[in-house]
């Protein structure tokens, strides 16, 4: 069976979720990612990845030609956006193709948490991803033959089956040693390394990590930040590099003594589960995370949970783990086992296969 996974913007990080789902489905189906590209290139972390074929729809292509590009037996639309779920709903109505809707963010939260953005999109009615279209498509997600989500918050709101951001266990070698050359190049020699990987958006809490490290004032610590986004304040311990190919991620994780996910409490973060928690767990790295969304559940017994927006708790947790290599090793080993048991490709792929069977059955195929 052929499956078209629709991504509304191939140059954006939404391609990451589409790629996870496509990779899992490709184990037993012919899979292709299809979508438009707002930028000039594919999303950088997956730009050189060849695991799943990607078809870019030209700018300005009309709906008829977009529908013609969906030549599969099932459509899987990632995010309730006009260019993904909107197109998928048209394919279901006009071509009678079964449809699965995937929701990994509460899209309306991006408007509700940013009043200026809300007002701007309330006026820009010509924008296909405006406030009104987003609200309508979230409500219309129930018309799909099946729904997948990434968190319990989203499941309560939209229903469906939870499909986490699965990873291949083979990509992340257990107990890998850090690359000494890379460590030297980044100025990390002789340092304990705190790592953050991901988009530098305000709700990610990266500035809270900086505040915690300021409070510790430990010259033996370094904070390595890998990813695009907001400008960070200059600090002697801070090393910031831009977005990197996903294939490089294990090399950066191998340098880390601790991975920190300091999500702030907000509508956006309540619905999200950072994919990077599974990268760290797969690599057997200890994780400090905030009590937001499903992070406490995912890391129960194998990570350190602190309250969001608490610089004091965050600083204490970093200091404690950095001073206790045995605890770091113990937590990392438990996290790796939890990943293998619940979040690896081998575990998640059969669950997703069941969703595909469900959608085909509902559609009468």
Protein backbone atom coordinates (compact mmCIF):
# COMPACT_ATOMS: atom_id res chain seq x y z
CA UNK A 1 0.00 0.00 0.00
CA UNK A 2 1.20 3.52 -0.76
CA UNK A 3 0.80 6.30 1.83
CA UNK A 4 1.16 10.04 1.19
CA UNK A 5 2.28 11.90 4.33
CA UNK A 6 1.35 15.57 3.85
CA UNK A 7 3.48 18.28 5.47
CA UNK A 8 2.27 21.86 5.05
CA UNK A 9 5.79 23.38 5.09
CA UNK A 10 8.78 21.23 4.20
CA UNK A 11 11.20 24.00 5.19
CA UNK A 12 9.88 24.12 8.76
CA UNK A 13 10.36 21.85 11.78
CA UNK A 14 6.95 20.29 11.15
CA UNK A 15 8.88 18.12 8.67
CA UNK A 16 10.45 16.45 11.72
CA UNK A 17 7.13 14.98 12.85
CA UNK A 18 6.17 14.03 9.29
CA UNK A 19 9.50 12.25 8.91
CA UNK A 20 9.02 10.26 12.13
CA UNK A 21 5.64 8.99 10.98
CA UNK A 22 6.82 8.32 7.42
CA UNK A 23 9.85 6.41 8.63
CA UNK A 24 7.72 4.17 10.85
CA UNK A 25 5.23 3.51 8.06
CA UNK A 26 8.01 2.78 5.55
CA UNK A 27 8.73 -0.45 7.38
CA UNK A 28 5.72 -2.06 5.71
CA UNK A 29 4.41 0.42 3.11
CA UNK A 30 5.50 2.55 0.18
CA UNK A 31 5.65 6.03 1.74
CA UNK A 32 6.20 9.50 0.31
CA UNK A 33 6.21 12.89 2.06
CA UNK A 34 4.38 15.54 0.02
CA UNK A 35 4.05 19.27 0.65
CA UNK A 36 4.85 22.86 -0.19
CA UNK A 37 8.02 24.62 0.89
CA UNK A 38 7.82 28.22 2.13
CA UNK A 39 11.60 28.63 2.22
CA UNK A 40 14.27 27.84 -0.35
CA UNK A 41 15.37 24.51 1.13
CA UNK A 42 14.11 21.56 3.10
CA UNK A 43 14.32 21.87 6.89
CA UNK A 44 18.04 21.78 7.62
CA UNK A 45 18.24 18.83 10.07
CA UNK A 46 16.70 16.54 7.41
CA UNK A 47 18.01 18.24 4.28
CA UNK A 48 20.42 15.44 3.43
CA UNK A 49 18.29 12.59 4.75
CA UNK A 50 17.26 10.00 2.16
CA UNK A 51 15.31 7.56 4.34
CA UNK A 52 11.94 8.68 2.91
CA UNK A 53 11.34 10.28 -0.53
CA UNK A 54 10.05 13.86 -0.47
CA UNK A 55 8.00 15.50 -3.23
CA UNK A 56 7.92 19.31 -3.19
CA UNK A 57 4.77 20.89 -4.62
CA UNK A 58 5.66 24.02 -6.63
CA UNK A 59 4.66 27.45 -5.32
CA UNK A 60 1.28 28.55 -6.62
CA UNK A 61 0.14 25.04 -7.56
CA UNK A 62 -3.66 24.89 -7.66
CA UNK A 63 -5.78 22.45 -5.64
CA UNK A 64 -6.42 20.25 -8.64
CA UNK A 65 -2.71 19.66 -9.21
CA UNK A 66 -2.10 19.28 -5.47
CA UNK A 67 -4.77 16.60 -5.26
CA UNK A 68 -3.27 14.87 -8.30
CA UNK A 69 0.01 14.55 -6.40
CA UNK A 70 -1.76 12.41 -3.80
CA UNK A 71 -1.52 9.08 -5.59
CA UNK A 72 -1.53 6.81 -2.55
CA UNK A 73 -4.10 4.48 -0.98
CA UNK A 74 -4.13 6.54 2.23
CA UNK A 75 -3.34 10.15 3.16
CA UNK A 76 -1.72 11.07 6.48
CA UNK A 77 -2.02 14.81 7.19
CA UNK A 78 0.42 16.27 9.72
CA UNK A 79 -0.99 19.27 11.65
CA UNK A 80 -4.41 20.94 11.22
CA UNK A 81 -3.17 23.36 8.55
CA UNK A 82 -4.73 24.27 5.22
CA UNK A 83 -1.82 22.73 3.30
CA UNK A 84 -1.99 19.44 5.17
CA UNK A 85 -5.29 18.55 6.86
CA UNK A 86 -7.22 20.89 4.56
CA UNK A 87 -5.77 19.12 1.52
CA UNK A 88 -6.31 15.74 3.16
CA UNK A 89 -9.98 16.46 3.82
CA UNK A 90 -10.43 17.43 0.17
CA UNK A 91 -8.76 14.21 -0.93
CA UNK A 92 -11.07 12.24 1.35
CA UNK A 93 -14.19 14.03 0.08
CA UNK A 94 -13.38 14.13 -3.64
CA UNK A 95 -11.14 11.11 -4.19
CA UNK A 96 -12.52 8.88 -1.41
CA UNK A 97 -9.01 8.33 -0.05
CA UNK A 98 -8.88 7.27 3.64
CA UNK A 99 -7.42 9.97 5.88
CA UNK A 100 -5.45 9.99 9.14
CA UNK A 101 -4.98 13.33 10.92
CA UNK A 102 -1.92 13.85 13.12
CA UNK A 103 -1.84 16.58 15.79
CA UNK A 104 1.40 17.19 17.71
CA UNK A 105 0.69 20.78 18.85
CA UNK A 106 -2.33 22.70 20.04
CA UNK A 107 -2.11 25.20 17.18
CA UNK A 108 -4.59 27.65 18.72
CA UNK A 109 -2.25 27.98 21.71
CA UNK A 110 0.26 29.83 19.55
CA UNK A 111 -2.36 32.53 19.06
CA UNK A 112 -3.67 32.51 22.62
CA UNK A 113 -0.19 32.82 24.15
CA UNK A 114 0.78 35.69 21.88
CA UNK A 115 -1.90 38.45 21.72
CA UNK A 116 0.00 40.43 19.09
CA UNK A 117 0.21 37.35 16.86
CA UNK A 118 -3.48 36.68 17.47
CA UNK A 119 -4.49 40.20 16.41
CA UNK A 120 -2.27 40.11 13.35
CA UNK A 121 -3.71 36.80 12.17
CA UNK A 122 -7.25 37.92 12.94
CA UNK A 123 -6.72 40.66 10.33
CA UNK A 124 -4.72 38.65 7.77
CA UNK A 125 -7.67 36.66 6.45
CA UNK A 126 -5.76 35.93 3.23
CA UNK A 127 -3.19 33.89 5.16
CA UNK A 128 -4.13 30.20 4.72
CA UNK A 129 -2.93 29.50 8.27
CA UNK A 130 -4.80 32.38 9.89
CA UNK A 131 -6.69 32.26 13.18
CA UNK A 132 -10.03 31.30 11.63
CA UNK A 133 -8.68 28.53 9.39
CA UNK A 134 -6.69 27.04 12.24
CA UNK A 135 -9.72 27.05 14.55
CA UNK A 136 -11.90 25.48 11.85
CA UNK A 137 -9.42 22.76 10.92
CA UNK A 138 -8.86 21.76 14.54
CA UNK A 139 -12.62 21.29 14.85
CA UNK A 140 -12.74 19.37 11.55
CA UNK A 141 -9.99 16.92 12.54
CA UNK A 142 -12.71 14.56 13.77
CA UNK A 143 -13.79 14.01 10.16
CA UNK A 144 -10.64 11.99 9.53
CA UNK A 145 -10.91 8.20 9.59
CA UNK A 146 -8.39 8.07 12.44
CA UNK A 147 -6.39 10.52 14.55
CA UNK A 148 -2.94 10.32 16.07
CA UNK A 149 -1.55 12.70 18.68
CA UNK A 150 1.73 13.07 20.55
CA UNK A 151 0.61 13.82 24.15
CA UNK A 152 -2.13 13.01 26.65
CA UNK A 153 -3.25 16.69 26.59
CA UNK A 154 -3.89 16.43 22.86
CA UNK A 155 -5.57 13.06 23.26
CA UNK A 156 -8.01 14.52 25.79
CA UNK A 157 -8.73 17.39 23.40
CA UNK A 158 -8.87 15.61 20.06
CA UNK A 159 -9.08 11.89 20.84
CA UNK A 160 -7.05 9.39 18.86
CA UNK A 161 -3.99 7.26 19.55
CA UNK A 162 -0.78 8.57 21.09
CA UNK A 163 2.18 8.06 18.77
CA UNK A 164 5.33 9.45 20.41
CA UNK A 165 8.27 10.92 18.50
CA UNK A 166 9.93 7.53 18.08
CA UNK A 167 13.61 7.07 17.34
CA UNK A 168 15.77 4.29 15.96
CA UNK A 169 17.71 2.63 18.77
CA UNK A 170 20.53 1.83 16.36
CA UNK A 171 21.16 5.51 15.63
CA UNK A 172 22.03 6.25 19.26
CA UNK A 173 24.85 4.03 20.55
CA UNK A 174 24.63 3.29 24.26
CA UNK A 175 27.56 4.58 26.34
CA UNK A 176 29.13 6.36 23.37
CA UNK A 177 32.27 8.33 24.14
CA UNK A 178 32.41 11.99 23.22
CA UNK A 179 34.46 13.01 20.20
CA UNK A 180 37.59 14.63 21.64
CA UNK A 181 38.19 16.62 18.46
CA UNK A 182 34.67 18.01 18.45
CA UNK A 183 34.94 18.80 22.16
CA UNK A 184 38.13 20.77 21.52
CA UNK A 185 36.64 22.57 18.51
CA UNK A 186 33.72 23.75 20.65
CA UNK A 187 35.92 24.85 23.53
CA UNK A 188 34.54 22.20 25.89
CA UNK A 189 37.76 20.46 26.90
CA UNK A 190 37.82 19.79 30.64
CA UNK A 191 34.24 21.06 31.10
CA UNK A 192 31.10 19.47 32.42
CA UNK A 193 28.61 19.92 29.58
CA UNK A 194 24.95 20.87 29.91
CA UNK A 195 23.21 20.41 26.56
CA UNK A 196 20.08 21.79 24.93
CA UNK A 197 19.10 20.79 21.39
CA UNK A 198 16.08 22.30 19.64
CA UNK A 199 14.41 25.52 18.55
CA UNK A 200 15.19 28.45 20.84
CA UNK A 201 11.66 29.65 21.49
CA UNK A 202 10.70 31.45 24.70
CA UNK A 203 8.62 28.58 26.11
CA UNK A 204 11.63 26.25 25.85
CA UNK A 205 13.15 27.96 28.90
CA UNK A 206 16.73 28.20 27.65
CA UNK A 207 17.15 31.57 29.37
CA UNK A 208 16.06 29.88 32.62
CA UNK A 209 18.99 27.47 32.21
CA UNK A 210 21.30 30.45 31.72
CA UNK A 211 19.92 32.06 34.89
CA UNK A 212 20.53 28.82 36.81
CA UNK A 213 24.12 28.59 35.54
CA UNK A 214 24.67 32.25 36.41
CA UNK A 215 23.56 31.43 39.96
CA UNK A 216 25.93 28.46 40.17
CA UNK A 217 28.88 30.46 38.80
CA UNK A 218 30.83 27.22 38.30
CA UNK A 219 33.79 27.80 35.94
CA UNK A 220 33.94 24.07 35.24
CA UNK A 221 30.53 24.05 33.50
CA UNK A 222 29.69 24.82 29.88
CA UNK A 223 26.28 25.16 28.24
CA UNK A 224 26.10 23.87 24.66
CA UNK A 225 23.05 25.01 22.67
CA UNK A 226 22.36 23.42 19.28
CA UNK A 227 19.55 24.90 17.22
CA UNK A 228 17.99 27.98 15.59
CA UNK A 229 15.95 30.71 17.19
CA UNK A 230 16.14 33.61 19.61
CA UNK A 231 19.35 35.50 20.35
CA UNK A 232 20.80 34.52 23.71
CA UNK A 233 22.73 36.73 26.13
CA UNK A 234 26.50 36.39 25.95
CA UNK A 235 28.12 34.28 28.65
CA UNK A 236 31.67 32.90 28.89
CA UNK A 237 30.32 29.39 29.48
CA UNK A 238 27.83 29.49 26.57
CA UNK A 239 28.51 27.78 23.24
CA UNK A 240 25.80 28.31 20.61
CA UNK A 241 25.82 26.66 17.21
CA UNK A 242 23.11 26.73 14.58
CA UNK A 243 20.88 23.93 13.34
CA UNK A 244 22.71 20.73 12.48
CA UNK A 245 21.88 17.64 10.40
CA UNK A 246 19.91 15.11 12.40
CA UNK A 247 22.64 12.57 11.65
CA UNK A 248 25.02 14.69 13.75
CA UNK A 249 22.82 14.59 16.85
CA UNK A 250 24.46 11.52 18.46
CA UNK A 251 27.85 13.26 18.31
CA UNK A 252 26.55 16.25 20.28
CA UNK A 253 24.67 14.06 22.76
CA UNK A 254 27.86 12.09 23.35
CA UNK A 255 29.48 15.29 24.65
CA UNK A 256 26.72 15.93 27.20
CA UNK A 257 26.90 15.15 30.89
CA UNK A 258 23.33 16.39 31.38
CA UNK A 259 20.52 17.28 28.96
CA UNK A 260 18.16 20.01 30.19
CA UNK A 261 14.59 20.56 28.97
CA UNK A 262 13.38 23.53 31.01
CA UNK A 263 9.95 23.96 29.40
CA UNK A 264 8.03 26.90 30.84
CA UNK A 265 4.39 26.48 31.78
CA UNK A 266 2.18 27.83 28.99
CA UNK A 267 -0.65 26.75 26.72
CA UNK A 268 1.90 25.85 24.05
CA UNK A 269 4.14 23.73 26.27
CA UNK A 270 1.20 22.03 28.02
CA UNK A 271 0.34 20.36 24.71
CA UNK A 272 3.88 19.62 23.52
CA UNK A 273 6.34 16.86 24.28
CA UNK A 274 9.84 17.76 23.05
CA UNK A 275 11.19 15.09 20.73
CA UNK A 276 14.65 15.73 22.17
CA UNK A 277 13.74 13.94 25.38
CA UNK A 278 13.70 10.69 23.42
CA UNK A 279 17.03 11.49 21.74
CA UNK A 280 18.65 11.93 25.17
CA UNK A 281 17.01 8.79 26.57
CA UNK A 282 18.10 6.76 23.55
CA UNK A 283 21.66 7.95 24.12
CA UNK A 284 21.51 7.07 27.85
CA UNK A 285 21.98 10.68 28.88
CA UNK A 286 20.47 11.90 32.18
CA UNK A 287 17.70 14.45 31.68
CA UNK A 288 16.56 17.33 33.88
CA UNK A 289 13.09 18.43 32.81
CA UNK A 290 10.30 20.59 34.15
CA UNK A 291 6.91 19.38 35.37
CA UNK A 292 5.17 20.24 32.10
CA UNK A 293 3.04 18.10 29.78
CA UNK A 294 4.02 14.40 29.74
CA UNK A 295 7.65 14.93 30.73
CA UNK A 296 7.15 13.70 34.34
CA UNK A 297 5.41 10.56 33.07
CA UNK A 298 8.02 9.84 30.40
CA UNK A 299 10.93 10.35 32.81
CA UNK A 300 9.41 8.74 35.90
CA UNK A 301 12.21 6.91 37.70
CA UNK A 302 14.79 7.75 35.03
CA UNK A 303 15.11 11.55 35.08
CA UNK A 304 15.03 14.57 37.37
CA UNK A 305 11.87 16.69 37.41
CA UNK A 306 11.82 20.29 38.68
CA UNK A 307 9.12 22.94 38.77
CA UNK A 308 8.95 25.21 35.70
CA UNK A 309 10.31 28.76 35.97
CA UNK A 310 12.25 27.84 39.13
CA UNK A 311 15.84 28.93 38.71
CA UNK A 312 16.67 27.67 42.21
CA UNK A 313 15.42 24.12 41.63
CA UNK A 314 17.04 23.98 38.21
CA UNK A 315 20.40 25.13 39.58
CA UNK A 316 20.21 22.61 42.43
CA UNK A 317 19.44 19.76 40.04
CA UNK A 318 22.31 20.67 37.70
CA UNK A 319 24.76 20.97 40.59
CA UNK A 320 23.65 17.66 42.11
CA UNK A 321 23.99 15.65 38.91
CA UNK A 322 27.28 17.25 37.93
CA UNK A 323 28.70 16.29 41.33
CA UNK A 324 27.48 12.67 41.08
CA UNK A 325 28.70 10.74 38.03
CA UNK A 326 27.27 7.51 39.49
CA UNK A 327 23.77 9.01 39.60
CA UNK A 328 24.17 10.33 36.07
CA UNK A 329 25.15 6.88 34.85
CA UNK A 330 22.28 5.23 36.73
CA UNK A 331 19.67 7.64 35.39
CA UNK A 332 21.07 7.39 31.87
CA UNK A 333 20.94 3.60 31.93
CA UNK A 334 17.35 3.61 33.18
CA UNK A 335 16.37 6.18 30.56
CA UNK A 336 17.86 4.05 27.80
CA UNK A 337 15.90 1.02 28.97
CA UNK A 338 12.68 3.05 29.22
CA UNK A 339 13.28 4.25 25.66
CA UNK A 340 13.80 0.70 24.39
CA UNK A 341 10.69 -0.53 26.16
CA UNK A 342 8.28 2.26 25.15
CA UNK A 343 9.57 4.77 22.61
CA UNK A 344 11.81 3.03 20.08
CA UNK A 345 10.83 2.45 16.46
CA UNK A 346 10.43 -1.27 17.13
CA UNK A 347 7.78 -0.59 19.78
CA UNK A 348 5.92 2.32 18.19
CA UNK A 349 5.75 1.05 14.59
CA UNK A 350 3.24 -1.77 15.34
CA UNK A 351 1.02 0.73 17.20
CA UNK A 352 1.00 3.01 14.17
CA UNK A 353 0.29 0.06 11.88
CA UNK A 354 -2.86 -0.60 13.93
CA UNK A 355 -3.99 2.99 13.36
CA UNK A 356 -3.57 2.53 9.61
CA UNK A 357 -5.66 -0.65 9.77
CA UNK A 358 -8.31 1.24 11.74
CA UNK A 359 -8.48 4.06 9.20
CA UNK A 360 -8.77 1.63 6.30
CA UNK A 361 -11.53 -0.29 8.08
CA UNK A 362 -13.50 2.88 8.88
CA UNK A 363 -13.20 3.93 5.24
CA UNK A 364 -14.41 0.49 4.14
CA UNK A 365 -11.18 -0.45 2.38
